N, C-alpha and C. Protein backbone atom coordinates (compact mmCIF):
# COMPACT_ATOMS: atom_id res chain seq x y z
N MET A 1 106.61 75.15 174.76
CA MET A 1 107.88 74.80 175.37
C MET A 1 107.89 73.31 175.69
N MET A 2 109.03 72.70 175.58
CA MET A 2 109.12 71.26 175.82
C MET A 2 108.90 70.94 177.29
N GLN A 3 108.13 69.91 177.54
CA GLN A 3 107.81 69.51 178.91
C GLN A 3 108.36 68.13 179.25
N ASN A 4 108.98 67.45 178.31
CA ASN A 4 109.34 66.05 178.50
C ASN A 4 110.84 65.79 178.57
N TYR A 5 111.59 66.73 179.12
CA TYR A 5 113.04 66.51 179.20
C TYR A 5 113.36 65.26 180.01
N SER A 6 112.62 65.00 181.09
CA SER A 6 112.94 63.83 181.91
C SER A 6 112.72 62.54 181.12
N GLU A 7 111.66 62.48 180.33
CA GLU A 7 111.43 61.28 179.52
C GLU A 7 112.48 61.15 178.43
N ILE A 8 112.83 62.26 177.79
CA ILE A 8 113.87 62.24 176.76
C ILE A 8 115.20 61.84 177.40
N HIS A 9 115.51 62.41 178.56
CA HIS A 9 116.74 62.07 179.28
C HIS A 9 116.79 60.57 179.56
N ASN A 10 115.71 60.02 180.08
CA ASN A 10 115.68 58.59 180.40
C ASN A 10 115.86 57.74 179.15
N LEU A 11 115.26 58.14 178.05
CA LEU A 11 115.42 57.40 176.79
C LEU A 11 116.87 57.46 176.30
N VAL A 12 117.47 58.64 176.35
CA VAL A 12 118.85 58.80 175.88
C VAL A 12 119.81 57.97 176.73
N PHE A 13 119.51 57.86 178.03
CA PHE A 13 120.40 57.12 178.94
C PHE A 13 120.06 55.62 179.01
N LYS A 14 119.26 55.13 178.10
CA LYS A 14 118.88 53.70 178.09
C LYS A 14 120.10 52.78 178.12
N PHE A 15 121.18 53.17 177.44
CA PHE A 15 122.36 52.31 177.34
C PHE A 15 123.44 52.66 178.37
N GLU A 16 123.05 53.33 179.43
CA GLU A 16 123.98 53.73 180.48
C GLU A 16 124.73 52.54 181.07
N ASN A 17 124.08 51.37 181.10
CA ASN A 17 124.72 50.16 181.64
C ASN A 17 125.93 49.73 180.82
N LEU A 18 126.06 50.23 179.58
CA LEU A 18 127.20 49.90 178.73
C LEU A 18 128.35 50.89 178.91
N GLY A 19 128.16 51.83 179.82
CA GLY A 19 129.20 52.80 180.12
C GLY A 19 128.81 54.21 179.74
N THR A 20 129.41 55.16 180.45
CA THR A 20 129.24 56.58 180.14
C THR A 20 130.61 57.24 180.26
N HIS A 21 130.74 58.37 179.60
CA HIS A 21 132.00 59.12 179.65
C HIS A 21 131.67 60.58 179.39
N VAL A 22 132.30 61.47 180.15
CA VAL A 22 132.17 62.90 179.90
C VAL A 22 133.43 63.34 179.18
N ALA A 23 133.28 63.82 177.96
CA ALA A 23 134.41 64.26 177.14
C ALA A 23 134.94 65.60 177.66
N GLU A 24 136.14 65.96 177.19
CA GLU A 24 136.76 67.23 177.61
C GLU A 24 135.85 68.42 177.34
N ASN A 25 135.09 68.38 176.26
CA ASN A 25 134.21 69.50 175.93
C ASN A 25 132.86 69.45 176.64
N GLY A 26 132.68 68.46 177.53
CA GLY A 26 131.45 68.34 178.30
C GLY A 26 130.40 67.44 177.68
N ALA A 27 130.65 66.93 176.48
CA ALA A 27 129.69 66.01 175.86
C ALA A 27 129.57 64.76 176.72
N ILE A 28 128.35 64.27 176.86
CA ILE A 28 128.13 63.04 177.62
C ILE A 28 127.90 61.92 176.61
N LEU A 29 128.75 60.91 176.69
CA LEU A 29 128.71 59.77 175.78
C LEU A 29 128.09 58.60 176.53
N ILE A 30 127.11 57.97 175.94
CA ILE A 30 126.34 56.93 176.63
C ILE A 30 126.33 55.67 175.78
N GLY A 31 126.73 54.56 176.39
CA GLY A 31 126.67 53.26 175.72
C GLY A 31 127.84 52.98 174.81
N LYS A 32 128.92 52.50 175.40
CA LYS A 32 130.11 52.14 174.61
C LYS A 32 129.71 51.11 173.56
N ALA A 33 130.20 51.31 172.34
CA ALA A 33 129.82 50.43 171.22
C ALA A 33 131.07 49.93 170.50
N PRO A 34 131.85 49.02 171.13
CA PRO A 34 133.09 48.56 170.53
C PRO A 34 132.90 47.86 169.18
N PHE A 35 131.72 47.33 168.92
CA PHE A 35 131.45 46.68 167.64
C PHE A 35 131.42 47.69 166.49
N LEU A 36 131.33 48.99 166.84
CA LEU A 36 131.35 50.05 165.82
C LEU A 36 132.72 50.73 165.71
N GLY A 37 133.57 50.51 166.72
CA GLY A 37 134.89 51.14 166.72
C GLY A 37 135.36 51.40 168.13
N ARG A 38 136.66 51.59 168.27
CA ARG A 38 137.27 51.74 169.59
C ARG A 38 136.71 52.92 170.38
N GLU A 39 136.41 54.02 169.71
CA GLU A 39 135.92 55.23 170.38
C GLU A 39 134.44 55.48 170.14
N ALA A 40 133.70 54.44 169.74
CA ALA A 40 132.29 54.61 169.37
C ALA A 40 131.36 54.54 170.59
N TRP A 41 130.35 55.39 170.56
CA TRP A 41 129.32 55.44 171.59
C TRP A 41 127.96 55.47 170.90
N LEU A 42 126.95 54.92 171.56
CA LEU A 42 125.62 54.86 170.96
C LEU A 42 124.92 56.22 170.96
N ASN A 43 124.84 56.85 172.12
CA ASN A 43 124.11 58.11 172.24
C ASN A 43 125.04 59.20 172.75
N LYS A 44 124.78 60.43 172.31
CA LYS A 44 125.59 61.58 172.75
C LYS A 44 124.67 62.76 173.00
N ILE A 45 124.91 63.43 174.14
CA ILE A 45 124.28 64.72 174.38
C ILE A 45 125.39 65.72 174.64
N TYR A 46 125.10 66.97 174.38
CA TYR A 46 126.14 68.00 174.39
C TYR A 46 125.78 69.11 175.36
N PRO A 47 126.80 69.82 175.87
CA PRO A 47 126.51 70.92 176.80
C PRO A 47 125.53 71.91 176.15
N SER A 48 124.52 72.28 176.91
CA SER A 48 123.51 73.20 176.37
C SER A 48 124.13 74.56 176.05
N LEU A 49 123.44 75.29 175.20
CA LEU A 49 123.94 76.59 174.75
C LEU A 49 123.53 77.70 175.71
N THR A 50 124.37 78.70 175.81
CA THR A 50 124.03 79.90 176.58
C THR A 50 123.09 80.76 175.73
N HIS A 51 122.49 81.75 176.35
CA HIS A 51 121.64 82.68 175.60
C HIS A 51 122.45 83.40 174.54
N GLU A 52 123.71 83.73 174.86
CA GLU A 52 124.57 84.42 173.90
C GLU A 52 124.87 83.52 172.69
N GLU A 53 125.10 82.23 172.94
CA GLU A 53 125.37 81.30 171.84
C GLU A 53 124.13 81.11 170.97
N ILE A 54 122.95 81.12 171.58
CA ILE A 54 121.72 81.03 170.80
C ILE A 54 121.55 82.27 169.93
N LEU A 55 121.86 83.44 170.47
CA LEU A 55 121.81 84.66 169.66
C LEU A 55 122.80 84.59 168.51
N GLU A 56 123.99 84.06 168.77
CA GLU A 56 125.01 83.88 167.72
C GLU A 56 124.48 82.94 166.63
N LEU A 57 123.84 81.87 167.05
CA LEU A 57 123.27 80.91 166.10
C LEU A 57 122.16 81.56 165.27
N GLU A 58 121.29 82.31 165.92
CA GLU A 58 120.21 83.00 165.21
C GLU A 58 120.78 84.01 164.21
N THR A 59 121.84 84.70 164.59
CA THR A 59 122.49 85.64 163.68
C THR A 59 123.05 84.91 162.47
N SER A 60 123.73 83.78 162.71
CA SER A 60 124.31 83.00 161.61
C SER A 60 123.23 82.45 160.68
N LEU A 61 122.10 82.06 161.25
CA LEU A 61 120.99 81.52 160.46
C LEU A 61 120.15 82.62 159.82
N ASN A 62 120.31 83.82 160.34
CA ASN A 62 119.53 84.98 159.89
C ASN A 62 118.03 84.76 160.14
N GLN A 63 117.72 84.10 161.27
CA GLN A 63 116.34 83.92 161.69
C GLN A 63 116.29 83.50 163.15
N ARG A 64 115.18 83.83 163.78
CA ARG A 64 114.98 83.44 165.17
C ARG A 64 114.64 81.95 165.23
N LEU A 65 115.13 81.30 166.27
CA LEU A 65 114.81 79.89 166.47
C LEU A 65 113.42 79.76 167.09
N PRO A 66 112.67 78.74 166.71
CA PRO A 66 111.39 78.48 167.37
C PRO A 66 111.60 78.22 168.86
N VAL A 67 110.63 78.60 169.66
CA VAL A 67 110.74 78.49 171.12
C VAL A 67 111.10 77.07 171.55
N GLU A 68 110.45 76.06 170.96
CA GLU A 68 110.71 74.67 171.34
C GLU A 68 112.16 74.26 171.10
N LEU A 69 112.71 74.65 169.97
CA LEU A 69 114.09 74.31 169.65
C LEU A 69 115.05 75.10 170.54
N LYS A 70 114.76 76.36 170.73
CA LYS A 70 115.59 77.20 171.60
C LYS A 70 115.63 76.60 173.01
N SER A 71 114.48 76.16 173.49
CA SER A 71 114.39 75.54 174.81
C SER A 71 115.24 74.27 174.89
N LEU A 72 115.14 73.41 173.88
CA LEU A 72 115.94 72.18 173.85
C LEU A 72 117.43 72.51 173.90
N LEU A 73 117.87 73.43 173.04
CA LEU A 73 119.30 73.76 172.94
C LEU A 73 119.81 74.45 174.20
N ASN A 74 118.97 75.22 174.86
CA ASN A 74 119.38 75.99 176.03
C ASN A 74 119.19 75.24 177.34
N GLU A 75 118.19 74.38 177.42
CA GLU A 75 117.86 73.74 178.69
C GLU A 75 118.21 72.26 178.76
N PHE A 76 118.44 71.63 177.61
CA PHE A 76 118.72 70.19 177.65
C PHE A 76 120.04 69.84 176.98
N SER A 77 120.15 70.06 175.68
CA SER A 77 121.35 69.65 174.96
C SER A 77 121.48 70.41 173.65
N ASN A 78 122.70 70.75 173.31
CA ASN A 78 123.03 71.40 172.04
C ASN A 78 123.06 70.34 170.94
N GLY A 79 121.89 69.80 170.61
CA GLY A 79 121.81 68.72 169.63
C GLY A 79 121.89 67.36 170.30
N LEU A 80 121.62 66.33 169.52
CA LEU A 80 121.64 64.94 170.02
C LEU A 80 122.12 64.01 168.92
N ASN A 81 122.73 62.92 169.32
CA ASN A 81 123.01 61.82 168.39
C ASN A 81 122.50 60.55 169.06
N ILE A 82 121.60 59.87 168.39
CA ILE A 82 120.96 58.67 168.92
C ILE A 82 121.36 57.47 168.07
N LEU A 83 121.78 56.40 168.74
CA LEU A 83 122.16 55.15 168.08
C LEU A 83 123.19 55.41 166.98
N SER A 84 124.31 55.98 167.38
CA SER A 84 125.43 56.27 166.47
C SER A 84 124.98 57.06 165.25
N SER A 85 124.24 58.11 165.51
CA SER A 85 123.75 59.05 164.48
C SER A 85 122.68 58.47 163.57
N THR A 86 122.04 57.37 164.00
CA THR A 86 120.87 56.91 163.26
C THR A 86 119.87 58.06 163.17
N LEU A 87 119.71 58.77 164.30
CA LEU A 87 118.91 60.00 164.36
C LEU A 87 119.78 61.07 164.98
N SER A 88 119.82 62.22 164.36
CA SER A 88 120.59 63.35 164.90
C SER A 88 119.73 64.60 164.94
N ILE A 89 119.90 65.36 166.01
CA ILE A 89 119.34 66.71 166.09
C ILE A 89 120.54 67.64 166.03
N TYR A 90 120.50 68.60 165.13
CA TYR A 90 121.64 69.48 164.89
C TYR A 90 121.75 70.56 165.96
N GLY A 91 122.95 71.12 166.05
CA GLY A 91 123.19 72.19 167.01
C GLY A 91 124.29 73.11 166.53
N LEU A 92 124.86 73.84 167.45
CA LEU A 92 125.97 74.75 167.15
C LEU A 92 127.28 73.99 167.28
N ARG A 93 128.00 73.89 166.20
CA ARG A 93 129.31 73.24 166.21
C ARG A 93 130.34 74.31 166.54
N LYS A 94 131.06 74.11 167.65
CA LYS A 94 131.95 75.15 168.17
C LYS A 94 133.40 74.98 167.75
N GLN A 95 133.76 73.81 167.27
CA GLN A 95 135.16 73.53 166.95
C GLN A 95 135.22 72.75 165.64
N LEU A 96 136.11 73.15 164.76
CA LEU A 96 136.30 72.42 163.51
C LEU A 96 137.43 71.42 163.68
N GLY A 97 137.46 70.41 162.86
CA GLY A 97 138.54 69.44 162.91
C GLY A 97 138.03 68.02 162.90
N ARG A 98 138.97 67.10 162.77
CA ARG A 98 138.62 65.69 162.70
C ARG A 98 139.15 64.89 163.89
N SER A 99 139.59 65.59 164.92
CA SER A 99 140.08 64.89 166.11
C SER A 99 138.91 64.21 166.82
N ILE A 100 139.23 63.32 167.74
CA ILE A 100 138.20 62.65 168.53
C ILE A 100 137.36 63.68 169.27
N GLU A 101 138.01 64.66 169.91
CA GLU A 101 137.27 65.68 170.66
C GLU A 101 136.40 66.53 169.74
N ALA A 102 136.92 66.90 168.57
CA ALA A 102 136.13 67.71 167.63
C ALA A 102 134.92 66.93 167.12
N SER A 103 135.05 65.60 167.08
CA SER A 103 133.93 64.78 166.60
C SER A 103 132.83 64.66 167.65
N ARG A 104 133.12 65.02 168.86
CA ARG A 104 132.14 64.90 169.95
C ARG A 104 131.35 66.20 170.08
N GLN A 105 130.78 66.59 168.97
CA GLN A 105 129.93 67.77 168.87
C GLN A 105 128.74 67.41 167.99
N PRO A 106 127.69 68.21 168.07
CA PRO A 106 126.55 67.93 167.18
C PRO A 106 126.90 68.27 165.74
N PHE A 107 126.15 67.69 164.82
CA PHE A 107 126.27 68.13 163.43
C PHE A 107 125.77 69.57 163.37
N SER A 108 126.34 70.36 162.50
CA SER A 108 126.01 71.78 162.42
C SER A 108 124.63 72.03 161.83
N ILE A 109 123.85 72.83 162.52
CA ILE A 109 122.53 73.23 162.02
C ILE A 109 122.67 74.21 160.85
N LEU A 110 123.85 74.81 160.71
CA LEU A 110 124.06 75.78 159.62
C LEU A 110 124.13 75.09 158.26
N THR A 111 124.75 73.92 158.20
CA THR A 111 124.97 73.25 156.91
C THR A 111 123.67 72.99 156.15
N PRO A 112 122.67 72.32 156.75
CA PRO A 112 121.45 72.05 155.96
C PRO A 112 120.60 73.29 155.71
N ASN A 113 120.83 74.34 156.47
CA ASN A 113 120.04 75.55 156.29
C ASN A 113 120.69 76.58 155.38
N LYS A 114 122.00 76.56 155.28
CA LYS A 114 122.73 77.54 154.46
C LYS A 114 123.29 76.93 153.17
N LEU A 115 123.76 75.68 153.24
CA LEU A 115 124.49 75.10 152.12
C LEU A 115 123.77 73.97 151.39
N GLU A 116 122.94 73.22 152.10
CA GLU A 116 122.38 71.99 151.52
C GLU A 116 120.85 71.92 151.60
N ARG A 117 120.18 73.06 151.55
CA ARG A 117 118.71 73.07 151.60
C ARG A 117 118.12 72.44 150.34
N PRO A 118 117.11 71.58 150.49
CA PRO A 118 116.40 71.14 149.29
C PRO A 118 115.87 72.36 148.54
N SER A 119 115.93 72.32 147.22
CA SER A 119 115.60 73.50 146.41
C SER A 119 114.14 73.94 146.54
N ASP A 120 113.25 73.03 146.95
CA ASP A 120 111.84 73.40 147.08
C ASP A 120 111.46 73.80 148.51
N SER A 121 112.45 74.08 149.35
CA SER A 121 112.19 74.48 150.74
C SER A 121 111.57 75.86 150.80
N LYS A 122 110.60 76.02 151.68
CA LYS A 122 110.04 77.34 151.94
C LYS A 122 110.96 78.06 152.93
N ASP A 123 110.89 79.38 152.94
CA ASP A 123 111.68 80.16 153.89
C ASP A 123 111.33 79.82 155.33
N SER A 124 110.12 79.33 155.56
CA SER A 124 109.67 79.01 156.92
C SER A 124 110.18 77.66 157.42
N PHE A 125 110.93 76.92 156.60
CA PHE A 125 111.45 75.62 157.00
C PHE A 125 112.83 75.78 157.63
N LEU A 126 112.97 75.32 158.86
CA LEU A 126 114.27 75.31 159.54
C LEU A 126 114.67 73.85 159.73
N PHE A 127 115.73 73.44 159.08
CA PHE A 127 116.19 72.05 159.14
C PHE A 127 116.94 71.83 160.44
N ILE A 128 116.48 70.84 161.22
CA ILE A 128 116.97 70.66 162.59
C ILE A 128 117.59 69.30 162.86
N GLY A 129 117.52 68.38 161.91
CA GLY A 129 118.06 67.05 162.18
C GLY A 129 117.94 66.15 160.98
N GLY A 130 118.30 64.88 161.19
CA GLY A 130 118.22 63.95 160.09
C GLY A 130 118.55 62.53 160.49
N TYR A 131 118.49 61.66 159.49
CA TYR A 131 118.72 60.23 159.65
C TYR A 131 119.90 59.82 158.78
N ASN A 132 120.77 58.96 159.31
CA ASN A 132 121.93 58.54 158.51
C ASN A 132 121.60 57.42 157.54
N TRP A 133 120.42 56.81 157.64
CA TRP A 133 120.08 55.68 156.77
C TRP A 133 120.09 56.10 155.30
N ASP A 134 119.44 57.23 155.00
CA ASP A 134 119.39 57.69 153.61
C ASP A 134 119.54 59.20 153.48
N GLY A 135 119.89 59.87 154.58
CA GLY A 135 120.06 61.32 154.53
C GLY A 135 118.77 62.10 154.66
N SER A 136 117.66 61.42 155.01
CA SER A 136 116.40 62.14 155.21
C SER A 136 116.59 63.23 156.26
N LEU A 137 115.83 64.30 156.11
CA LEU A 137 115.97 65.48 156.97
C LEU A 137 114.73 65.70 157.81
N LEU A 138 114.93 66.39 158.93
CA LEU A 138 113.84 66.85 159.78
C LEU A 138 113.82 68.36 159.75
N TYR A 139 112.63 68.95 159.66
CA TYR A 139 112.55 70.40 159.73
C TYR A 139 111.33 70.84 160.53
N ILE A 140 111.45 72.03 161.11
CA ILE A 140 110.32 72.69 161.76
C ILE A 140 109.78 73.69 160.75
N ASP A 141 108.47 73.65 160.54
CA ASP A 141 107.83 74.71 159.77
C ASP A 141 107.50 75.82 160.77
N ILE A 142 108.22 76.92 160.67
CA ILE A 142 108.09 78.02 161.63
C ILE A 142 106.64 78.53 161.68
N GLU A 143 105.92 78.43 160.58
CA GLU A 143 104.54 78.94 160.52
C GLU A 143 103.57 78.09 161.33
N THR A 144 103.84 76.78 161.46
CA THR A 144 102.90 75.88 162.14
C THR A 144 103.49 75.24 163.39
N SER A 145 104.80 75.30 163.56
CA SER A 145 105.55 74.64 164.65
C SER A 145 105.56 73.12 164.53
N LYS A 146 105.04 72.59 163.43
CA LYS A 146 105.06 71.14 163.24
C LYS A 146 106.43 70.69 162.74
N ILE A 147 106.78 69.45 163.08
CA ILE A 147 108.04 68.85 162.66
C ILE A 147 107.74 67.92 161.49
N HIS A 148 108.54 68.03 160.44
CA HIS A 148 108.34 67.21 159.25
C HIS A 148 109.61 66.44 158.93
N CYS A 149 109.42 65.28 158.30
CA CYS A 149 110.53 64.50 157.77
C CYS A 149 110.40 64.50 156.25
N CYS A 150 111.53 64.71 155.57
CA CYS A 150 111.53 64.74 154.11
C CYS A 150 112.81 64.08 153.60
N THR A 151 112.86 63.85 152.30
CA THR A 151 114.08 63.32 151.70
C THR A 151 115.12 64.44 151.63
N SER A 152 116.34 64.10 151.33
CA SER A 152 117.39 65.12 151.21
C SER A 152 117.24 65.92 149.91
N GLU A 153 116.46 65.43 148.97
CA GLU A 153 116.29 66.10 147.68
C GLU A 153 115.06 67.00 147.62
N SER A 154 114.05 66.72 148.43
CA SER A 154 112.80 67.47 148.36
C SER A 154 112.24 67.71 149.76
N ALA A 155 111.73 68.90 149.99
CA ALA A 155 111.17 69.25 151.30
C ALA A 155 109.71 68.82 151.43
N ASN A 156 109.17 68.09 150.46
CA ASN A 156 107.81 67.58 150.59
C ASN A 156 107.74 66.65 151.79
N SER A 157 106.82 66.94 152.69
CA SER A 157 106.70 66.19 153.94
C SER A 157 106.29 64.74 153.69
N LYS A 158 107.06 63.82 154.27
CA LYS A 158 106.76 62.39 154.19
C LYS A 158 106.13 61.90 155.49
N PHE A 159 106.37 62.65 156.58
CA PHE A 159 105.86 62.28 157.90
C PHE A 159 105.84 63.55 158.74
N CYS A 160 104.89 63.65 159.67
CA CYS A 160 104.74 64.89 160.44
C CYS A 160 104.39 64.59 161.89
N TRP A 161 104.92 65.40 162.79
CA TRP A 161 104.60 65.35 164.22
C TRP A 161 104.12 66.73 164.63
N LYS A 162 103.31 66.78 165.68
CA LYS A 162 102.77 68.07 166.14
C LYS A 162 103.81 68.92 166.85
N THR A 163 104.72 68.27 167.59
CA THR A 163 105.69 69.03 168.39
C THR A 163 107.07 68.36 168.33
N LEU A 164 108.07 69.12 168.74
CA LEU A 164 109.44 68.60 168.79
C LEU A 164 109.57 67.49 169.82
N ASP A 165 109.00 67.68 171.00
CA ASP A 165 109.13 66.63 172.02
C ASP A 165 108.38 65.37 171.62
N GLU A 166 107.22 65.51 170.96
CA GLU A 166 106.51 64.32 170.47
C GLU A 166 107.37 63.56 169.47
N MET A 167 108.01 64.28 168.57
CA MET A 167 108.87 63.64 167.57
C MET A 167 110.02 62.92 168.26
N LEU A 168 110.72 63.60 169.17
CA LEU A 168 111.88 62.99 169.82
C LEU A 168 111.49 61.73 170.59
N ILE A 169 110.46 61.82 171.40
CA ILE A 169 110.06 60.67 172.22
C ILE A 169 109.61 59.51 171.33
N SER A 170 108.73 59.78 170.38
CA SER A 170 108.22 58.68 169.55
C SER A 170 109.30 58.08 168.66
N GLU A 171 110.19 58.92 168.12
CA GLU A 171 111.23 58.40 167.23
C GLU A 171 112.29 57.61 168.00
N ILE A 172 112.71 58.09 169.15
CA ILE A 172 113.69 57.33 169.92
C ILE A 172 113.10 55.97 170.32
N LYS A 173 111.86 55.97 170.78
CA LYS A 173 111.21 54.70 171.14
C LYS A 173 111.11 53.77 169.93
N ARG A 174 110.70 54.31 168.78
CA ARG A 174 110.57 53.49 167.58
C ARG A 174 111.92 52.92 167.15
N LEU A 175 112.94 53.76 167.16
CA LEU A 175 114.27 53.29 166.75
C LEU A 175 114.81 52.22 167.70
N TYR A 176 114.55 52.36 168.98
CA TYR A 176 115.03 51.36 169.94
C TYR A 176 114.45 49.97 169.66
N THR A 177 113.29 49.89 169.02
CA THR A 177 112.73 48.58 168.69
C THR A 177 113.50 47.89 167.57
N LEU A 178 114.35 48.63 166.86
CA LEU A 178 115.12 48.09 165.75
C LEU A 178 116.53 47.65 166.16
N PHE A 179 116.87 47.85 167.45
CA PHE A 179 118.21 47.55 167.96
C PHE A 179 118.10 46.69 169.21
N ASP A 180 119.14 45.89 169.48
CA ASP A 180 119.11 45.04 170.67
C ASP A 180 119.61 45.80 171.90
N GLU A 181 119.73 45.08 173.02
CA GLU A 181 120.11 45.70 174.30
C GLU A 181 121.54 46.24 174.31
N ASN A 182 122.34 45.88 173.30
CA ASN A 182 123.70 46.40 173.18
C ASN A 182 123.82 47.48 172.10
N GLY A 183 122.69 47.84 171.49
CA GLY A 183 122.70 48.87 170.47
C GLY A 183 123.06 48.37 169.08
N LYS A 184 123.03 47.05 168.88
CA LYS A 184 123.28 46.48 167.55
C LYS A 184 121.96 46.35 166.80
N GLU A 185 122.00 46.61 165.49
CA GLU A 185 120.81 46.43 164.68
C GLU A 185 120.32 44.99 164.79
N LEU A 186 119.01 44.82 164.97
CA LEU A 186 118.45 43.47 165.00
C LEU A 186 118.57 42.81 163.64
N LYS A 187 118.36 43.58 162.59
CA LYS A 187 118.49 43.08 161.23
C LYS A 187 119.26 44.12 160.44
N GLU A 188 120.46 43.77 160.03
CA GLU A 188 121.32 44.72 159.32
C GLU A 188 120.64 45.27 158.07
N GLY A 189 120.76 46.58 157.90
CA GLY A 189 120.20 47.22 156.71
C GLY A 189 118.73 47.59 156.83
N THR A 190 118.14 47.42 158.02
CA THR A 190 116.74 47.77 158.20
C THR A 190 116.55 49.27 158.03
N LYS A 191 115.50 49.64 157.33
CA LYS A 191 115.16 51.05 157.13
C LYS A 191 114.88 51.69 158.48
N THR A 192 115.52 52.83 158.77
CA THR A 192 115.34 53.48 160.07
C THR A 192 114.55 54.78 159.98
N ILE A 193 114.16 55.19 158.78
CA ILE A 193 113.36 56.40 158.65
C ILE A 193 111.90 56.09 158.96
N PRO A 194 111.09 57.09 159.32
CA PRO A 194 109.71 56.82 159.75
C PRO A 194 108.69 56.64 158.63
N TYR A 195 109.11 56.74 157.39
CA TYR A 195 108.15 56.59 156.28
C TYR A 195 108.58 55.49 155.33
């Protein structure tokens, strides 16, 4: 079970000095980013899921969620978006549409697991997030509980972490070194994936 919610919380709220906003759906938007657009925010966390919503998600995925992921979604946030989706953790998308409010939800965990799985994925791979730089994906291997990063075309692991919280903490810290105090890239076009 994840033990580092306070550290993850503190990392996500790094840009709190640039403003925060609670959206109608309860999403917390952190770090206004006008250089990206009028309604742009650097980091987003979403209202956590109820036990019933987690069961609904497991039914839709046709598999049980690993304890670490279930804990994150139920106790901390229904997915995450870090640095304007440079890194995203997927969750349950509750509303369809292209409105501002509909956009303030996590990317759907169903899409990479049901519609866009790399063809060489094992059944034990649950895709939980990704990077917007090149579409690289993150997955949990249910058999080992390790987190892996792979390309969008192949599930061959390019990088691995022992736990979900280790991945989140180390990746958020690493990504923050590539951006300034306002959330702007230090060098435009810098590779943001870990491999």
